[in-house]
Amino acid sequence: MRGLCGSIITAGALIGLGLSALGLGTRYQNLAGNDPASITYLKWVQLDTPMMLIIVVLLSSLIVGLATAFLGLAYHHERRHYERTHGLSESMSRATR
C-alpha cells in the first residue's frame, strides 16, 4: 500500500511539473521580443516568486513520492520474505515433532 501511495504522489507531482512547464512557456513566451529566431535564456532568479515556489514544492513532492514508492516496495518485499521464511520454519518444526 505504501508503494502505491508513493507512486500516486509521484504521478501527481509529474503531472504538476508538466503543467507548470506549460505555464512557464505561456507566461514568458513574449520575452524574446520581435525576433523569434533569437534564444533568450531565463535565469532562476528572474522567475516570479509564485512560480519558483510551485516548482520547488512539486520537485520536493516528487522526491518524497519516489522515496515512498521505493521504500514501500522494499518493505513489502521484506515482509513477504519474512512471512515466507517464518511459515517454512514453522512447518519444518511441526514435521520433526
PDB file of N, CA and C in Angstrom:
ATOM      1  N   MET A   1       0.820  -1.191   0.000  1.00  0.00           N
ATOM      2  CA  MET A   1       0.000   0.000   0.000  1.00  0.00           C
ATOM      3  C   MET A   1       0.871   1.264   0.000  1.00  0.00           C
ATOM      4  N   ARG A   2       2.012   1.170   0.703  1.00  0.00           N
ATOM      5  CA  ARG A   2       2.900   2.340   0.725  1.00  0.00           C
ATOM      6  C   ARG A   2       3.481   2.614  -0.651  1.00  0.00           C
ATOM      7  N   GLY A   3       3.819   1.552  -1.366  1.00  0.00           N
ATOM      8  CA  GLY A   3       4.362   1.726  -2.714  1.00  0.00           C
ATOM      9  C   GLY A   3       3.348   2.351  -3.650  1.00  0.00           C
ATOM     10  N   LEU A   4       2.085   1.936  -3.508  1.00  0.00           N
ATOM     11  CA  LEU A   4       1.023   2.502  -4.342  1.00  0.00           C
ATOM     12  C   LEU A   4       0.801   3.983  -4.015  1.00  0.00           C
ATOM     13  N   CYS A   5       0.792   4.312  -2.741  1.00  0.00           N
ATOM     14  CA  CYS A   5       0.624   5.725  -2.358  1.00  0.00           C
ATOM     15  C   CYS A   5       1.784   6.581  -2.855  1.00  0.00           C
ATOM     16  N   GLY A   6       2.995   6.042  -2.765  1.00  0.00           N
ATOM     17  CA  GLY A   6       4.158   6.766  -3.266  1.00  0.00           C
ATOM     18  C   GLY A   6       4.111   6.976  -4.764  1.00  0.00           C
ATOM     19  N   SER A   7       3.632   5.972  -5.490  1.00  0.00           N
ATOM     20  CA  SER A   7       3.541   6.139  -6.940  1.00  0.00           C
ATOM     21  C   SER A   7       2.445   7.125  -7.324  1.00  0.00           C
ATOM     22  N   ILE A   8       1.378   7.176  -6.561  1.00  0.00           N
ATOM     23  CA  ILE A   8       0.326   8.172  -6.823  1.00  0.00           C
ATOM     24  C   ILE A   8       0.850   9.576  -6.564  1.00  0.00           C
ATOM     25  N   ILE A   9       1.607   9.755  -5.485  1.00  0.00           N
ATOM     26  CA  ILE A   9       2.212  11.070  -5.192  1.00  0.00           C
ATOM     27  C   ILE A   9       3.173  11.462  -6.302  1.00  0.00           C
ATOM     28  N   THR A  10       3.978  10.513  -6.759  1.00  0.00           N
ATOM     29  CA  THR A  10       4.933  10.779  -7.837  1.00  0.00           C
ATOM     30  C   THR A  10       4.222  11.164  -9.129  1.00  0.00           C
ATOM     31  N   ALA A  11       3.156  10.442  -9.454  1.00  0.00           N
ATOM     32  CA  ALA A  11       2.406  10.761 -10.675  1.00  0.00           C
ATOM     33  C   ALA A  11       1.793  12.153 -10.594  1.00  0.00           C
ATOM     34  N   GLY A  12       1.248  12.501  -9.440  1.00  0.00           N
ATOM     35  CA  GLY A  12       0.686  13.846  -9.268  1.00  0.00           C
ATOM     36  C   GLY A  12       1.740  14.927  -9.398  1.00  0.00           C
ATOM     37  N   ALA A  13       2.917  14.677  -8.839  1.00  0.00           N
ATOM     38  CA  ALA A  13       3.997  15.662  -8.945  1.00  0.00           C
ATOM     39  C   ALA A  13       4.477  15.806 -10.382  1.00  0.00           C
ATOM     40  N   LEU A  14       4.557  14.695 -11.116  1.00  0.00           N
ATOM     41  CA  LEU A  14       4.985  14.780 -12.512  1.00  0.00           C
ATOM     42  C   LEU A  14       3.951  15.496 -13.377  1.00  0.00           C
ATOM     43  N   ILE A  15       2.678  15.251 -13.114  1.00  0.00           N
ATOM     44  CA  ILE A  15       1.633  15.978 -13.841  1.00  0.00           C
ATOM     45  C   ILE A  15       1.710  17.468 -13.515  1.00  0.00           C
ATOM     46  N   GLY A  16       1.907  17.785 -12.250  1.00  0.00           N
ATOM     47  CA  GLY A  16       2.032  19.187 -11.849  1.00  0.00           C
ATOM     48  C   GLY A  16       3.241  19.859 -12.467  1.00  0.00           C
ATOM     49  N   LEU A  17       4.359  19.133 -12.559  1.00  0.00           N
ATOM     50  CA  LEU A  17       5.546  19.715 -13.195  1.00  0.00           C
ATOM     51  C   LEU A  17       5.321  19.949 -14.687  1.00  0.00           C
ATOM     52  N   GLY A  18       4.595  19.052 -15.337  1.00  0.00           N
ATOM     53  CA  GLY A  18       4.275  19.266 -16.750  1.00  0.00           C
ATOM     54  C   GLY A  18       3.387  20.476 -16.950  1.00  0.00           C
ATOM     55  N   LEU A  19       2.402  20.625 -16.070  1.00  0.00           N
ATOM     56  CA  LEU A  19       1.519  21.791 -16.169  1.00  0.00           C
ATOM     57  C   LEU A  19       2.256  23.084 -15.843  1.00  0.00           C
ATOM     58  N   SER A  20       3.178  23.031 -14.883  1.00  0.00           N
ATOM     59  CA  SER A  20       3.937  24.245 -14.581  1.00  0.00           C
ATOM     60  C   SER A  20       4.895  24.593 -15.721  1.00  0.00           C
ATOM     61  N   ALA A  21       5.413  23.587 -16.436  1.00  0.00           N
ATOM     62  CA  ALA A  21       6.246  23.870 -17.611  1.00  0.00           C
ATOM     63  C   ALA A  21       5.428  24.556 -18.698  1.00  0.00           C
ATOM     64  N   LEU A  22       4.186  24.087 -18.877  1.00  0.00           N
ATOM     65  CA  LEU A  22       3.308  24.774 -19.835  1.00  0.00           C
ATOM     66  C   LEU A  22       3.002  26.197 -19.379  1.00  0.00           C
ATOM     67  N   GLY A  23       2.810  26.358 -18.086  1.00  0.00           N
ATOM     68  CA  GLY A  23       2.557  27.692 -17.548  1.00  0.00           C
ATOM     69  C   GLY A  23       3.738  28.621 -17.722  1.00  0.00           C
ATOM     70  N   LEU A  24       4.940  28.096 -17.518  1.00  0.00           N
ATOM     71  CA  LEU A  24       6.136  28.910 -17.742  1.00  0.00           C
ATOM     72  C   LEU A  24       6.266  29.303 -19.209  1.00  0.00           C
ATOM     73  N   GLY A  25       5.944  28.365 -20.092  1.00  0.00           N
ATOM     74  CA  GLY A  25       6.029  28.658 -21.525  1.00  0.00           C
ATOM     75  C   GLY A  25       5.066  29.743 -21.954  1.00  0.00           C
ATOM     76  N   THR A  26       3.842  29.684 -21.456  1.00  0.00           N
ATOM     77  CA  THR A  26       2.870  30.712 -21.845  1.00  0.00           C
ATOM     78  C   THR A  26       3.144  32.038 -21.138  1.00  0.00           C
ATOM     79  N   ARG A  27       3.717  31.972 -19.940  1.00  0.00           N
ATOM     80  CA  ARG A  27       3.995  33.204 -19.205  1.00  0.00           C
ATOM     81  C   ARG A  27       5.122  33.998 -19.853  1.00  0.00           C
ATOM     82  N   TYR A  28       6.158  33.314 -20.291  1.00  0.00           N
ATOM     83  CA  TYR A  28       7.348  34.001 -20.796  1.00  0.00           C
ATOM     84  C   TYR A  28       7.533  33.822 -22.302  1.00  0.00           C
ATOM     85  N   GLN A  29       6.484  33.586 -23.043  1.00  0.00           N
ATOM     86  CA  GLN A  29       6.624  33.380 -24.488  1.00  0.00           C
ATOM     87  C   GLN A  29       6.978  34.658 -25.239  1.00  0.00           C
ATOM     88  N   ASN A  30       6.622  35.797 -24.732  1.00  0.00           N
ATOM     89  CA  ASN A  30       6.907  37.066 -25.415  1.00  0.00           C
ATOM     90  C   ASN A  30       8.153  37.747 -24.876  1.00  0.00           C
ATOM     91  N   LEU A  31       8.988  37.006 -24.172  1.00  0.00           N
ATOM     92  CA  LEU A  31      10.192  37.593 -23.588  1.00  0.00           C
ATOM     93  C   LEU A  31      11.240  37.899 -24.646  1.00  0.00           C
ATOM     94  N   ALA A  32      11.242  37.148 -25.739  1.00  0.00           N
ATOM     95  CA  ALA A  32      12.268  37.322 -26.774  1.00  0.00           C
ATOM     96  C   ALA A  32      12.067  38.617 -27.562  1.00  0.00           C
ATOM     97  N   GLY A  33      10.865  39.125 -27.598  1.00  0.00           N
ATOM     98  CA  GLY A  33      10.622  40.344 -28.344  1.00  0.00           C
ATOM     99  C   GLY A  33      10.167  40.054 -29.753  1.00  0.00           C
ATOM    100  N   ASN A  34      10.647  40.852 -30.719  1.00  0.00           N
ATOM    101  CA  ASN A  34      10.194  40.724 -32.110  1.00  0.00           C
ATOM    102  C   ASN A  34      10.960  39.673 -32.901  1.00  0.00           C
ATOM    103  N   ASP A  35      12.133  39.281 -32.456  1.00  0.00           N
ATOM    104  CA  ASP A  35      12.949  38.323 -33.200  1.00  0.00           C
ATOM    105  C   ASP A  35      12.697  36.912 -32.676  1.00  0.00           C
ATOM    106  N   PRO A  36      11.886  36.110 -33.377  1.00  0.00           N
ATOM    107  CA  PRO A  36      11.585  34.772 -32.868  1.00  0.00           C
ATOM    108  C   PRO A  36      12.743  33.792 -33.012  1.00  0.00           C
ATOM    109  N   ALA A  37      13.739  34.113 -33.828  1.00  0.00           N
ATOM    110  CA  ALA A  37      14.870  33.212 -34.021  1.00  0.00           C
ATOM    111  C   ALA A  37      15.890  33.319 -32.895  1.00  0.00           C
ATOM    112  N   SER A  38      15.852  34.399 -32.140  1.00  0.00           N
ATOM    113  CA  SER A  38      16.828  34.555 -31.068  1.00  0.00           C
ATOM    114  C   SER A  38      16.412  33.717 -29.853  1.00  0.00           C
ATOM    115  N   ILE A  39      17.410  33.183 -29.186  1.00  0.00           N
ATOM    116  CA  ILE A  39      17.177  32.386 -27.987  1.00  0.00           C
ATOM    117  C   ILE A  39      17.420  33.265 -26.772  1.00  0.00           C
ATOM    118  N   THR A  40      16.432  33.352 -25.932  1.00  0.00           N
ATOM    119  CA  THR A  40      16.550  34.145 -24.714  1.00  0.00           C
ATOM    120  C   THR A  40      16.486  33.198 -23.528  1.00  0.00           C
ATOM    121  N   TYR A  41      17.523  33.203 -22.712  1.00  0.00           N
ATOM    122  CA  TYR A  41      17.566  32.343 -21.544  1.00  0.00           C
ATOM    123  C   TYR A  41      17.031  33.099 -20.342  1.00  0.00           C
ATOM    124  N   LEU A  42      16.274  32.406 -19.536  1.00  0.00           N
ATOM    125  CA  LEU A  42      15.695  32.991 -18.338  1.00  0.00           C
ATOM    126  C   LEU A  42      16.335  32.327 -17.138  1.00  0.00           C
ATOM    127  N   LYS A  43      16.923  33.130 -16.261  1.00  0.00           N
ATOM    128  CA  LYS A  43      17.586  32.578 -15.083  1.00  0.00           C
ATOM    129  C   LYS A  43      16.563  32.285 -13.997  1.00  0.00           C
ATOM    130  N   TRP A  44      16.964  31.449 -13.053  1.00  0.00           N
ATOM    131  CA  TRP A  44      16.078  31.049 -11.960  1.00  0.00           C
ATOM    132  C   TRP A  44      15.642  32.262 -11.129  1.00  0.00           C
ATOM    133  N   VAL A  45      16.541  33.194 -10.891  1.00  0.00           N
ATOM    134  CA  VAL A  45      16.215  34.350 -10.050  1.00  0.00           C
ATOM    135  C   VAL A  45      15.291  35.330 -10.771  1.00  0.00           C
ATOM    136  N   GLN A  46      15.146  35.208 -12.084  1.00  0.00           N
ATOM    137  CA  GLN A  46      14.269  36.093 -12.837  1.00  0.00           C
ATOM    138  C   GLN A  46      12.833  35.600 -12.887  1.00  0.00           C
ATOM    139  N   LEU A  47      12.577  34.388 -12.382  1.00  0.00           N
ATOM    140  CA  LEU A  47      11.213  33.866 -12.358  1.00  0.00           C
ATOM    141  C   LEU A  47      10.375  34.601 -11.321  1.00  0.00           C
ATOM    142  N   ASP A  48       9.071  34.518 -11.489  1.00  0.00           N
ATOM    143  CA  ASP A  48       8.178  35.046 -10.471  1.00  0.00           C
ATOM    144  C   ASP A  48       8.293  34.200  -9.211  1.00  0.00           C
ATOM    145  N   THR A  49       8.076  34.819  -8.065  1.00  0.00           N
ATOM    146  CA  THR A  49       8.165  34.092  -6.800  1.00  0.00           C
ATOM    147  C   THR A  49       7.142  32.964  -6.697  1.00  0.00           C
ATOM    148  N   PRO A  50       5.880  33.150  -7.101  1.00  0.00           N
ATOM    149  CA  PRO A  50       4.955  32.011  -7.040  1.00  0.00           C
ATOM    150  C   PRO A  50       5.362  30.851  -7.940  1.00  0.00           C
ATOM    151  N   MET A  51       5.931  31.141  -9.106  1.00  0.00           N
ATOM    152  CA  MET A  51       6.402  30.084  -9.991  1.00  0.00           C
ATOM    153  C   MET A  51       7.557  29.320  -9.349  1.00  0.00           C
ATOM    154  N   MET A  52       8.467  30.042  -8.702  1.00  0.00           N
ATOM    155  CA  MET A  52       9.564  29.391  -8.003  1.00  0.00           C
ATOM    156  C   MET A  52       9.040  28.482  -6.903  1.00  0.00           C
ATOM    157  N   LEU A  53       8.088  28.975  -6.145  1.00  0.00           N
ATOM    158  CA  LEU A  53       7.521  28.199  -5.051  1.00  0.00           C
ATOM    159  C   LEU A  53       6.821  26.945  -5.564  1.00  0.00           C
ATOM    160  N   ILE A  54       6.070  27.078  -6.639  1.00  0.00           N
ATOM    161  CA  ILE A  54       5.368  25.934  -7.216  1.00  0.00           C
ATOM    162  C   ILE A  54       6.356  24.871  -7.687  1.00  0.00           C
ATOM    163  N   ILE A  55       7.407  25.293  -8.359  1.00  0.00           N
ATOM    164  CA  ILE A  55       8.392  24.333  -8.865  1.00  0.00           C
ATOM    165  C   ILE A  55       9.130  23.650  -7.724  1.00  0.00           C
ATOM    166  N   VAL A  56       9.491  24.398  -6.690  1.00  0.00           N
ATOM    167  CA  VAL A  56      10.196  23.806  -5.546  1.00  0.00           C
ATOM    168  C   VAL A  56       9.306  22.811  -4.820  1.00  0.00           C
ATOM    169  N   VAL A  57       8.040  23.162  -4.612  1.00  0.00           N
ATOM    170  CA  VAL A  57       7.116  22.254  -3.922  1.00  0.00           C
ATOM    171  C   VAL A  57       6.880  20.994  -4.748  1.00  0.00           C
ATOM    172  N   LEU A  58       6.711  21.137  -6.056  1.00  0.00           N
ATOM    173  CA  LEU A  58       6.493  19.968  -6.895  1.00  0.00           C
ATOM    174  C   LEU A  58       7.730  19.080  -6.969  1.00  0.00           C
ATOM    175  N   LEU A  59       8.910  19.667  -7.021  1.00  0.00           N
ATOM    176  CA  LEU A  59      10.124  18.856  -7.038  1.00  0.00           C
ATOM    177  C   LEU A  59      10.318  18.122  -5.717  1.00  0.00           C
ATOM    178  N   SER A  60      10.025  18.799  -4.607  1.00  0.00           N
ATOM    179  CA  SER A  60      10.159  18.121  -3.314  1.00  0.00           C
ATOM    180  C   SER A  60       9.120  17.016  -3.154  1.00  0.00           C
ATOM    181  N   SER A  61       7.900  17.244  -3.642  1.00  0.00           N
ATOM    182  CA  SER A  61       6.899  16.174  -3.564  1.00  0.00           C
ATOM    183  C   SER A  61       7.251  15.022  -4.500  1.00  0.00           C
ATOM    184  N   LEU A  62       7.913  15.302  -5.614  1.00  0.00           N
ATOM    185  CA  LEU A  62       8.392  14.243  -6.498  1.00  0.00           C
ATOM    186  C   LEU A  62       9.430  13.377  -5.790  1.00  0.00           C
ATOM    187  N   ILE A  63      10.350  14.002  -5.087  1.00  0.00           N
ATOM    188  CA  ILE A  63      11.380  13.256  -4.361  1.00  0.00           C
ATOM    189  C   ILE A  63      10.761  12.441  -3.233  1.00  0.00           C
ATOM    190  N   VAL A  64       9.827  13.040  -2.504  1.00  0.00           N
ATOM    191  CA  VAL A  64       9.151  12.319  -1.417  1.00  0.00           C
ATOM    192  C   VAL A  64       8.344  11.151  -1.972  1.00  0.00           C
ATOM    193  N   GLY A  65       7.659  11.357  -3.078  1.00  0.00           N
ATOM    194  CA  GLY A  65       6.870  10.292  -3.685  1.00  0.00           C
ATOM    195  C   GLY A  65       7.729   9.142  -4.172  1.00  0.00           C
ATOM    196  N   LEU A  66       8.852   9.459  -4.806  1.00  0.00           N
ATOM    197  CA  LEU A  66       9.755   8.397  -5.266  1.00  0.00           C
ATOM    198  C   LEU A  66      10.349   7.627  -4.096  1.00  0.00           C
ATOM    199  N   ALA A  67      10.746   8.349  -3.058  1.00  0.00           N
ATOM    200  CA  ALA A  67      11.306   7.680  -1.881  1.00  0.00           C
ATOM    201  C   ALA A  67      10.256   6.796  -1.208  1.00  0.00           C
ATOM    202  N   THR A  68       9.033   7.284  -1.111  1.00  0.00           N
ATOM    203  CA  THR A  68       7.962   6.487  -0.502  1.00  0.00           C
ATOM    204  C   THR A  68       7.667   5.249  -1.337  1.00  0.00           C
ATOM    205  N   ALA A  69       7.650   5.398  -2.632  1.00  0.00           N
ATOM    206  CA  ALA A  69       7.372   4.247  -3.501  1.00  0.00           C
ATOM    207  C   ALA A  69       8.458   3.191  -3.377  1.00  0.00           C
ATOM    208  N   PHE A  70       9.721   3.587  -3.451  1.00  0.00           N
ATOM    209  CA  PHE A  70      10.798   2.610  -3.384  1.00  0.00           C
ATOM    210  C   PHE A  70      10.912   1.977  -2.009  1.00  0.00           C
ATOM    211  N   LEU A  71      10.803   2.780  -0.959  1.00  0.00           N
ATOM    212  CA  LEU A  71      10.874   2.214   0.383  1.00  0.00           C
ATOM    213  C   LEU A  71       9.666   1.347   0.684  1.00  0.00           C
ATOM    214  N   GLY A  72       8.497   1.755   0.214  1.00  0.00           N
ATOM    215  CA  GLY A  72       7.303   0.950   0.417  1.00  0.00           C
ATOM    216  C   GLY A  72       7.403  -0.391  -0.269  1.00  0.00           C
ATOM    217  N   LEU A  73       7.934  -0.404  -1.485  1.00  0.00           N
ATOM    218  CA  LEU A  73       8.120  -1.680  -2.181  1.00  0.00           C
ATOM    219  C   LEU A  73       9.195  -2.533  -1.514  1.00  0.00           C
ATOM    220  N   ALA A  74      10.240  -1.889  -1.013  1.00  0.00           N
ATOM    221  CA  ALA A  74      11.289  -2.646  -0.330  1.00  0.00           C
ATOM    222  C   ALA A  74      10.747  -3.289   0.946  1.00  0.00           C
ATOM    223  N   TYR A  75       9.985  -2.540   1.732  1.00  0.00           N
ATOM    224  CA  TYR A  75       9.405  -3.100   2.952  1.00  0.00           C
ATOM    225  C   TYR A  75       8.376  -4.174   2.631  1.00  0.00           C
ATOM    226  N   HIS A  76       7.657  -4.007   1.539  1.00  0.00           N
ATOM    227  CA  HIS A  76       6.672  -5.006   1.147  1.00  0.00           C
ATOM    228  C   HIS A  76       7.357  -6.335   0.824  1.00  0.00           C
ATOM    229  N   HIS A  77       8.426  -6.268   0.041  1.00  0.00           N
ATOM    230  CA  HIS A  77       9.134  -7.493  -0.316  1.00  0.00           C
ATOM    231  C   HIS A  77       9.819  -8.111   0.903  1.00  0.00           C
ATOM    232  N   GLU A  78      10.331  -7.268   1.789  1.00  0.00           N
ATOM    233  CA  GLU A  78      10.952  -7.786   3.002  1.00  0.00           C
ATOM    234  C   GLU A  78       9.922  -8.491   3.878  1.00  0.00           C
ATOM    235  N   ARG A  79       8.753  -7.917   3.987  1.00  0.00           N
ATOM    236  CA  ARG A  79       7.700  -8.542   4.791  1.00  0.00           C
ATOM    237  C   ARG A  79       7.246  -9.863   4.176  1.00  0.00           C
ATOM    238  N   ARG A  80       7.080  -9.919   2.873  1.00  0.00           N
ATOM    239  CA  ARG A  80       6.689 -11.168   2.216  1.00  0.00           C
ATOM    240  C   ARG A  80       7.779 -12.231   2.379  1.00  0.00           C
ATOM    241  N   HIS A  81       9.023 -11.815   2.308  1.00  0.00           N
ATOM    242  CA  HIS A  81      10.118 -12.756   2.510  1.00  0.00           C
ATOM    243  C   HIS A  81      10.101 -13.281   3.948  1.00  0.00           C
ATOM    244  N   TYR A  82       9.879 -12.403   4.904  1.00  0.00           N
ATOM    245  CA  TYR A  82       9.816 -12.820   6.303  1.00  0.00           C
ATOM    246  C   TYR A  82       8.644 -13.771   6.535  1.00  0.00           C
ATOM    247  N   GLU A  83       7.491 -13.438   5.949  1.00  0.00           N
ATOM    248  CA  GLU A  83       6.336 -14.323   6.112  1.00  0.00           C
ATOM    249  C   GLU A  83       6.587 -15.684   5.491  1.00  0.00           C
ATOM    250  N   ARG A  84       7.242 -15.717   4.360  1.00  0.00           N
ATOM    251  CA  ARG A  84       7.510 -16.983   3.690  1.00  0.00           C
ATOM    252  C   ARG A  84       8.494 -17.829   4.502  1.00  0.00           C
ATOM    253  N   THR A  85       9.581 -17.225   4.963  1.00  0.00           N
ATOM    254  CA  THR A  85      10.564 -17.989   5.724  1.00  0.00           C
ATOM    255  C   THR A  85      10.043 -18.357   7.106  1.00  0.00           C
ATOM    256  N   HIS A  86       9.245 -17.529   7.709  1.00  0.00           N
ATOM    257  CA  HIS A  86       8.668 -17.838   9.015  1.00  0.00           C
ATOM    258  C   HIS A  86       7.688 -18.992   8.889  1.00  0.00           C
ATOM    259  N   GLY A  87       6.899 -19.010   7.833  1.00  0.00           N
ATOM    260  CA  GLY A  87       5.959 -20.104   7.611  1.00  0.00           C
ATOM    261  C   GLY A  87       6.669 -21.415   7.341  1.00  0.00           C
ATOM    262  N   LEU A  88       7.806 -21.353   6.642  1.00  0.00           N
ATOM    263  CA  LEU A  88       8.559 -22.567   6.367  1.00  0.00           C
ATOM    264  C   LEU A  88       9.193 -23.120   7.633  1.00  0.00           C
ATOM    265  N   SER A  89       9.686 -22.252   8.498  1.00  0.00           N
ATOM    266  CA  SER A  89      10.321 -22.735   9.721  1.00  0.00           C
ATOM    267  C   SER A  89       9.292 -23.366  10.652  1.00  0.00           C
ATOM    268  N   GLU A  90       8.055 -22.854  10.666  1.00  0.00           N
ATOM    269  CA  GLU A  90       7.013 -23.450  11.494  1.00  0.00           C
ATOM    270  C   GLU A  90       6.630 -24.818  10.970  1.00  0.00           C
ATOM    271  N   SER A  91       6.508 -24.962   9.668  1.00  0.00           N
ATOM    272  CA  SER A  91       6.126 -26.262   9.109  1.00  0.00           C
ATOM    273  C   SER A  91       7.227 -27.286   9.290  1.00  0.00           C
ATOM    274  N   MET A  92       8.484 -26.861   9.260  1.00  0.00           N
ATOM    275  CA  MET A  92       9.603 -27.765   9.478  1.00  0.00           C
ATOM    276  C   MET A  92       9.643 -28.241  10.927  1.00  0.00           C
ATOM    277  N   SER A  93       9.352 -27.319  11.864  1.00  0.00           N
ATOM    278  CA  SER A  93       9.400 -27.703  13.279  1.00  0.00           C
ATOM    279  C   SER A  93       8.222 -28.630  13.613  1.00  0.00           C
ATOM    280  N   ARG A  94       7.099 -28.478  12.972  1.00  0.00           N
ATOM    281  CA  ARG A  94       5.956 -29.366  13.194  1.00  0.00           C
ATOM    282  C   ARG A  94       6.215 -30.749  12.604  1.00  0.00           C
ATOM    283  N   ALA A  95       6.948 -30.818  11.503  1.00  0.00           N
ATOM    284  CA  ALA A  95       7.208 -32.101  10.874  1.00  0.00           C
ATOM    285  C   ALA A  95       8.177 -32.948  11.688  1.00  0.00           C
ATOM    286  N   THR A  96       9.054 -32.289  12.454  1.00  0.00           N
ATOM    287  CA  THR A  96      10.033 -33.050  13.241  1.00  0.00           C
ATOM    288  C   THR A  96       9.477 -33.521  14.572  1.00  0.00           C
ATOM    289  N   ARG A  97       8.319 -33.054  14.969  1.00  0.00           N
ATOM    290  CA  ARG A  97       7.737 -33.458  16.253  1.00  0.00           C
ATOM    291  C   ARG A  97       7.183 -34.818  16.224  1.00  0.00           C
TER     292      ARG A  97
END
